[in-house]
Amino acid sequence: MIGFAFAIDGELKGADVYSSNELFKQLWPRLLKAAAVEAISTPKSVSNPVPIETVGAFLVNSELGLETVRDINWRTRSAERSTDDALFLECRDTYYHDAWVHRSYLARKH
C-alpha cells in the first residue's frame, strides 16, 4: 500500500500517495490522526460510503489543472495544479530526474 483517500459523511476530502510503501508506513500514523481529527470535528450526518469510482475520478481530475513548478532547494521541486474541485500538490526529487515522492489531493468545497 502506498496511499489512502478519505471521506467524511459521504464527502471526499482528500488523498495522499507516496512513491514507496516504506515512506507511506512511516507517515501513516500522522495521516490517520489528521483524518480522525477532521472527522471528529465535523458535524455528524447519515450518509453512504463514497464509491471507488468517485475516488478514482477525483484523483485523475485533480491532476488536470495547469501546472506551476517551483524549486524548493537543490534537490526538491514542488508542482501544483488547481481545478475548481481540487488542489493537487506533488513533491519531486530532482536528484532522481524529477521522480515524484509525494502526491497530495485536496478537495475544494463549493
N, C-alpha and C. Protein backbone atom coordinates (compact mmCIF):
# COMPACT_ATOMS: atom_id res chain seq x y z
N MET A 1 0.85 -1.16 0.00
CA MET A 1 0.00 0.00 0.00
C MET A 1 0.90 1.23 0.00
N ILE A 2 0.52 2.22 -0.80
CA ILE A 2 1.33 3.45 -0.87
C ILE A 2 0.51 4.72 -0.66
N GLY A 3 -0.78 4.57 -0.33
CA GLY A 3 -1.57 5.77 -0.11
C GLY A 3 -2.97 5.46 0.37
N PHE A 4 -3.74 6.55 0.59
CA PHE A 4 -5.12 6.39 1.01
C PHE A 4 -5.91 7.63 0.64
N ALA A 5 -7.20 7.46 0.54
CA ALA A 5 -8.14 8.56 0.34
C ALA A 5 -9.12 8.51 1.50
N PHE A 6 -9.66 9.67 1.88
CA PHE A 6 -10.64 9.64 2.96
C PHE A 6 -11.80 10.57 2.68
N ALA A 7 -12.95 10.15 3.22
CA ALA A 7 -14.19 10.90 3.09
C ALA A 7 -14.80 11.03 4.48
N ILE A 8 -15.54 12.09 4.67
CA ILE A 8 -16.25 12.30 5.93
C ILE A 8 -17.70 12.59 5.57
N ASP A 9 -18.60 11.84 6.18
CA ASP A 9 -20.03 11.98 5.93
C ASP A 9 -20.36 11.95 4.44
N GLY A 10 -19.74 11.04 3.72
CA GLY A 10 -20.03 10.86 2.31
C GLY A 10 -19.41 11.89 1.38
N GLU A 11 -18.58 12.78 1.91
CA GLU A 11 -17.92 13.80 1.10
C GLU A 11 -16.42 13.53 1.06
N LEU A 12 -15.91 13.32 -0.15
CA LEU A 12 -14.49 13.06 -0.33
C LEU A 12 -13.70 14.29 0.09
N LYS A 13 -12.71 14.10 0.95
CA LYS A 13 -11.91 15.22 1.47
C LYS A 13 -10.54 15.31 0.82
N GLY A 14 -9.90 14.17 0.59
CA GLY A 14 -8.58 14.21 0.00
C GLY A 14 -7.93 12.84 -0.06
N ALA A 15 -6.68 12.86 -0.53
CA ALA A 15 -5.91 11.63 -0.65
C ALA A 15 -4.43 11.97 -0.60
N ASP A 16 -3.63 11.03 -0.17
CA ASP A 16 -2.17 11.14 -0.17
C ASP A 16 -1.60 9.87 -0.73
N VAL A 17 -0.63 10.01 -1.64
CA VAL A 17 0.02 8.86 -2.26
C VAL A 17 1.53 9.09 -2.19
N TYR A 18 2.26 8.03 -1.85
CA TYR A 18 3.72 8.11 -1.71
C TYR A 18 4.39 7.17 -2.71
N SER A 19 5.64 7.45 -3.00
CA SER A 19 6.36 6.66 -4.01
C SER A 19 6.79 5.29 -3.51
N SER A 20 6.69 5.04 -2.21
CA SER A 20 7.09 3.73 -1.69
C SER A 20 6.23 3.35 -0.49
N ASN A 21 6.13 2.05 -0.27
CA ASN A 21 5.42 1.54 0.88
C ASN A 21 6.12 1.94 2.18
N GLU A 22 7.43 1.96 2.17
CA GLU A 22 8.19 2.32 3.37
C GLU A 22 7.89 3.74 3.83
N LEU A 23 7.86 4.66 2.88
CA LEU A 23 7.56 6.05 3.22
C LEU A 23 6.12 6.19 3.70
N PHE A 24 5.19 5.51 3.04
CA PHE A 24 3.79 5.56 3.47
C PHE A 24 3.64 5.01 4.89
N LYS A 25 4.27 3.87 5.18
CA LYS A 25 4.17 3.29 6.52
C LYS A 25 4.72 4.22 7.58
N GLN A 26 5.77 4.92 7.25
CA GLN A 26 6.39 5.86 8.19
C GLN A 26 5.44 7.02 8.52
N LEU A 27 4.69 7.48 7.53
CA LEU A 27 3.82 8.65 7.71
C LEU A 27 2.37 8.29 8.05
N TRP A 28 2.00 7.02 7.91
CA TRP A 28 0.62 6.60 8.13
C TRP A 28 0.05 7.04 9.48
N PRO A 29 0.75 6.89 10.61
CA PRO A 29 0.14 7.31 11.88
C PRO A 29 -0.28 8.79 11.89
N ARG A 30 0.53 9.66 11.32
CA ARG A 30 0.19 11.09 11.27
C ARG A 30 -0.99 11.35 10.34
N LEU A 31 -1.01 10.66 9.20
CA LEU A 31 -2.11 10.83 8.25
C LEU A 31 -3.43 10.38 8.87
N LEU A 32 -3.40 9.24 9.54
CA LEU A 32 -4.60 8.71 10.18
C LEU A 32 -5.08 9.65 11.28
N LYS A 33 -4.16 10.17 12.08
CA LYS A 33 -4.53 11.09 13.16
C LYS A 33 -5.17 12.36 12.60
N ALA A 34 -4.60 12.92 11.53
CA ALA A 34 -5.15 14.13 10.93
C ALA A 34 -6.56 13.88 10.39
N ALA A 35 -6.76 12.76 9.72
CA ALA A 35 -8.09 12.43 9.19
C ALA A 35 -9.09 12.22 10.33
N ALA A 36 -8.65 11.57 11.41
CA ALA A 36 -9.53 11.33 12.55
C ALA A 36 -9.92 12.64 13.23
N VAL A 37 -8.98 13.54 13.39
CA VAL A 37 -9.28 14.85 14.00
C VAL A 37 -10.30 15.60 13.16
N GLU A 38 -10.12 15.59 11.84
CA GLU A 38 -11.08 16.26 10.96
C GLU A 38 -12.46 15.61 11.06
N ALA A 39 -12.50 14.29 11.11
CA ALA A 39 -13.78 13.58 11.21
C ALA A 39 -14.50 13.90 12.52
N ILE A 40 -13.76 13.93 13.60
CA ILE A 40 -14.34 14.20 14.92
C ILE A 40 -14.86 15.63 14.98
N SER A 41 -14.20 16.56 14.33
CA SER A 41 -14.60 17.96 14.39
C SER A 41 -15.70 18.33 13.39
N THR A 42 -16.14 17.36 12.59
CA THR A 42 -17.18 17.60 11.58
C THR A 42 -18.53 17.18 12.14
N PRO A 43 -19.55 18.05 12.01
CA PRO A 43 -20.90 17.65 12.46
C PRO A 43 -21.33 16.36 11.77
N LYS A 44 -21.99 15.51 12.50
CA LYS A 44 -22.36 14.19 12.00
C LYS A 44 -23.68 14.20 11.24
N SER A 45 -23.73 13.40 10.20
CA SER A 45 -24.97 13.14 9.47
C SER A 45 -24.87 11.72 8.94
N VAL A 46 -25.98 11.17 8.54
CA VAL A 46 -26.00 9.82 8.00
C VAL A 46 -25.73 9.91 6.50
N SER A 47 -24.82 9.09 6.00
CA SER A 47 -24.50 9.13 4.58
C SER A 47 -24.01 7.77 4.11
N ASN A 48 -23.89 7.65 2.80
CA ASN A 48 -23.40 6.42 2.20
C ASN A 48 -21.90 6.53 1.94
N PRO A 49 -21.22 5.40 1.85
CA PRO A 49 -19.79 5.44 1.51
C PRO A 49 -19.58 6.03 0.11
N VAL A 50 -18.41 6.57 -0.11
CA VAL A 50 -18.06 7.13 -1.41
C VAL A 50 -17.64 5.97 -2.32
N PRO A 51 -18.24 5.84 -3.50
CA PRO A 51 -17.88 4.75 -4.41
C PRO A 51 -16.43 4.87 -4.88
N ILE A 52 -15.77 3.75 -5.08
CA ILE A 52 -14.38 3.73 -5.51
C ILE A 52 -14.21 4.44 -6.85
N GLU A 53 -15.22 4.39 -7.70
CA GLU A 53 -15.15 5.08 -8.99
C GLU A 53 -15.09 6.59 -8.81
N THR A 54 -15.76 7.10 -7.79
CA THR A 54 -15.72 8.53 -7.47
C THR A 54 -14.32 8.93 -7.02
N VAL A 55 -13.71 8.08 -6.21
CA VAL A 55 -12.34 8.35 -5.74
C VAL A 55 -11.38 8.36 -6.92
N GLY A 56 -11.48 7.37 -7.80
CA GLY A 56 -10.60 7.31 -8.97
C GLY A 56 -10.75 8.52 -9.87
N ALA A 57 -11.99 8.93 -10.11
CA ALA A 57 -12.24 10.12 -10.95
C ALA A 57 -11.68 11.37 -10.29
N PHE A 58 -11.80 11.47 -8.97
CA PHE A 58 -11.26 12.62 -8.24
C PHE A 58 -9.74 12.70 -8.42
N LEU A 59 -9.06 11.57 -8.27
CA LEU A 59 -7.60 11.55 -8.42
C LEU A 59 -7.18 11.97 -9.82
N VAL A 60 -7.82 11.41 -10.83
CA VAL A 60 -7.48 11.73 -12.22
C VAL A 60 -7.77 13.20 -12.53
N ASN A 61 -8.96 13.67 -12.17
CA ASN A 61 -9.35 15.03 -12.48
C ASN A 61 -8.54 16.08 -11.73
N SER A 62 -8.04 15.73 -10.55
CA SER A 62 -7.23 16.66 -9.77
C SER A 62 -5.92 17.00 -10.46
N GLU A 63 -5.45 16.12 -11.30
CA GLU A 63 -4.16 16.33 -11.98
C GLU A 63 -4.30 17.06 -13.31
N LEU A 64 -5.50 17.52 -13.66
CA LEU A 64 -5.74 18.12 -14.97
C LEU A 64 -5.46 19.62 -15.04
N GLY A 65 -5.30 20.28 -13.91
CA GLY A 65 -5.10 21.72 -13.92
C GLY A 65 -3.74 22.12 -14.49
N LEU A 66 -3.61 23.40 -14.80
CA LEU A 66 -2.36 23.95 -15.29
C LEU A 66 -1.30 23.85 -14.20
N GLU A 67 -0.13 23.36 -14.56
CA GLU A 67 0.93 23.09 -13.58
C GLU A 67 1.82 24.32 -13.34
N THR A 68 2.08 24.57 -12.06
CA THR A 68 3.04 25.58 -11.63
C THR A 68 4.13 24.84 -10.85
N VAL A 69 5.38 25.03 -11.26
CA VAL A 69 6.50 24.32 -10.63
C VAL A 69 7.44 25.35 -10.00
N ARG A 70 7.96 25.01 -8.83
CA ARG A 70 8.96 25.87 -8.21
C ARG A 70 10.00 25.03 -7.49
N ASP A 71 11.22 25.52 -7.51
CA ASP A 71 12.31 24.84 -6.82
C ASP A 71 12.28 25.20 -5.35
N ILE A 72 12.38 24.19 -4.50
CA ILE A 72 12.41 24.39 -3.06
C ILE A 72 13.86 24.51 -2.58
N ASN A 73 14.70 23.60 -3.05
CA ASN A 73 16.13 23.64 -2.77
C ASN A 73 16.86 22.89 -3.89
N TRP A 74 18.13 22.60 -3.72
CA TRP A 74 18.92 21.99 -4.78
C TRP A 74 18.40 20.62 -5.22
N ARG A 75 17.60 19.97 -4.36
CA ARG A 75 17.16 18.61 -4.66
C ARG A 75 15.64 18.46 -4.74
N THR A 76 14.91 19.42 -4.27
CA THR A 76 13.46 19.28 -4.15
C THR A 76 12.73 20.31 -5.01
N ARG A 77 11.71 19.85 -5.68
CA ARG A 77 10.87 20.71 -6.51
C ARG A 77 9.41 20.40 -6.18
N SER A 78 8.58 21.43 -6.16
CA SER A 78 7.15 21.20 -5.94
C SER A 78 6.37 21.58 -7.19
N ALA A 79 5.30 20.87 -7.41
CA ALA A 79 4.40 21.15 -8.53
C ALA A 79 3.00 21.28 -7.96
N GLU A 80 2.25 22.21 -8.51
CA GLU A 80 0.89 22.45 -8.05
C GLU A 80 -0.03 22.56 -9.25
N ARG A 81 -1.18 21.93 -9.13
CA ARG A 81 -2.23 22.04 -10.16
C ARG A 81 -3.53 22.33 -9.44
N SER A 82 -4.28 23.25 -9.99
CA SER A 82 -5.52 23.65 -9.35
C SER A 82 -6.68 23.55 -10.33
N THR A 83 -7.78 22.97 -9.86
CA THR A 83 -9.02 22.93 -10.63
C THR A 83 -10.12 23.50 -9.75
N ASP A 84 -11.31 23.62 -10.29
CA ASP A 84 -12.44 24.12 -9.49
C ASP A 84 -12.76 23.19 -8.33
N ASP A 85 -12.48 21.90 -8.50
CA ASP A 85 -12.86 20.91 -7.49
C ASP A 85 -11.73 20.44 -6.59
N ALA A 86 -10.47 20.72 -6.97
CA ALA A 86 -9.37 20.15 -6.19
C ALA A 86 -8.07 20.94 -6.34
N LEU A 87 -7.20 20.68 -5.38
CA LEU A 87 -5.83 21.18 -5.42
C LEU A 87 -4.92 19.96 -5.38
N PHE A 88 -4.01 19.87 -6.34
CA PHE A 88 -3.07 18.75 -6.44
C PHE A 88 -1.67 19.30 -6.17
N LEU A 89 -0.96 18.68 -5.24
CA LEU A 89 0.41 19.07 -4.91
C LEU A 89 1.31 17.86 -5.05
N GLU A 90 2.48 18.07 -5.65
CA GLU A 90 3.41 16.98 -5.86
C GLU A 90 4.81 17.42 -5.45
N CYS A 91 5.49 16.59 -4.69
CA CYS A 91 6.88 16.83 -4.30
C CYS A 91 7.76 15.93 -5.17
N ARG A 92 8.79 16.53 -5.78
CA ARG A 92 9.65 15.78 -6.70
C ARG A 92 11.11 15.85 -6.24
N ASP A 93 11.83 14.78 -6.53
CA ASP A 93 13.25 14.68 -6.21
C ASP A 93 14.05 14.92 -7.48
N THR A 94 14.70 16.07 -7.59
CA THR A 94 15.44 16.40 -8.80
C THR A 94 16.68 15.54 -8.98
N TYR A 95 17.19 14.98 -7.89
CA TYR A 95 18.35 14.09 -7.98
C TYR A 95 18.02 12.85 -8.80
N TYR A 96 16.76 12.43 -8.71
CA TYR A 96 16.29 11.26 -9.46
C TYR A 96 15.43 11.69 -10.65
N HIS A 97 15.86 12.70 -11.37
CA HIS A 97 15.22 13.15 -12.62
C HIS A 97 13.74 13.51 -12.42
N ASP A 98 13.47 14.27 -11.37
CA ASP A 98 12.12 14.74 -11.05
C ASP A 98 11.14 13.62 -10.72
N ALA A 99 11.63 12.53 -10.19
CA ALA A 99 10.73 11.45 -9.76
C ALA A 99 9.87 11.97 -8.60
N TRP A 100 8.58 11.68 -8.65
CA TRP A 100 7.71 12.17 -7.58
C TRP A 100 7.90 11.33 -6.32
N VAL A 101 7.78 12.00 -5.18
CA VAL A 101 7.94 11.36 -3.88
C VAL A 101 6.60 11.31 -3.14
N HIS A 102 5.84 12.40 -3.24
CA HIS A 102 4.56 12.50 -2.54
C HIS A 102 3.57 13.27 -3.40
N ARG A 103 2.34 12.77 -3.44
CA ARG A 103 1.25 13.46 -4.12
C ARG A 103 0.11 13.65 -3.14
N SER A 104 -0.37 14.88 -3.07
CA SER A 104 -1.46 15.21 -2.17
C SER A 104 -2.62 15.77 -2.98
N TYR A 105 -3.81 15.27 -2.72
CA TYR A 105 -5.02 15.67 -3.41
C TYR A 105 -5.99 16.24 -2.37
N LEU A 106 -6.37 17.49 -2.54
CA LEU A 106 -7.28 18.14 -1.58
C LEU A 106 -8.55 18.59 -2.29
N ALA A 107 -9.68 18.14 -1.79
CA ALA A 107 -10.96 18.53 -2.38
C ALA A 107 -11.30 19.96 -1.97
N ARG A 108 -11.87 20.69 -2.90
CA ARG A 108 -12.35 22.06 -2.62
C ARG A 108 -13.83 22.03 -2.33
N LYS A 109 -14.22 22.83 -1.37
CA LYS A 109 -15.65 22.98 -1.07
C LYS A 109 -16.28 23.95 -2.05
N HIS A 110 -17.51 23.72 -2.36
CA HIS A 110 -18.24 24.63 -3.26
C HIS A 110 -19.25 25.43 -2.49
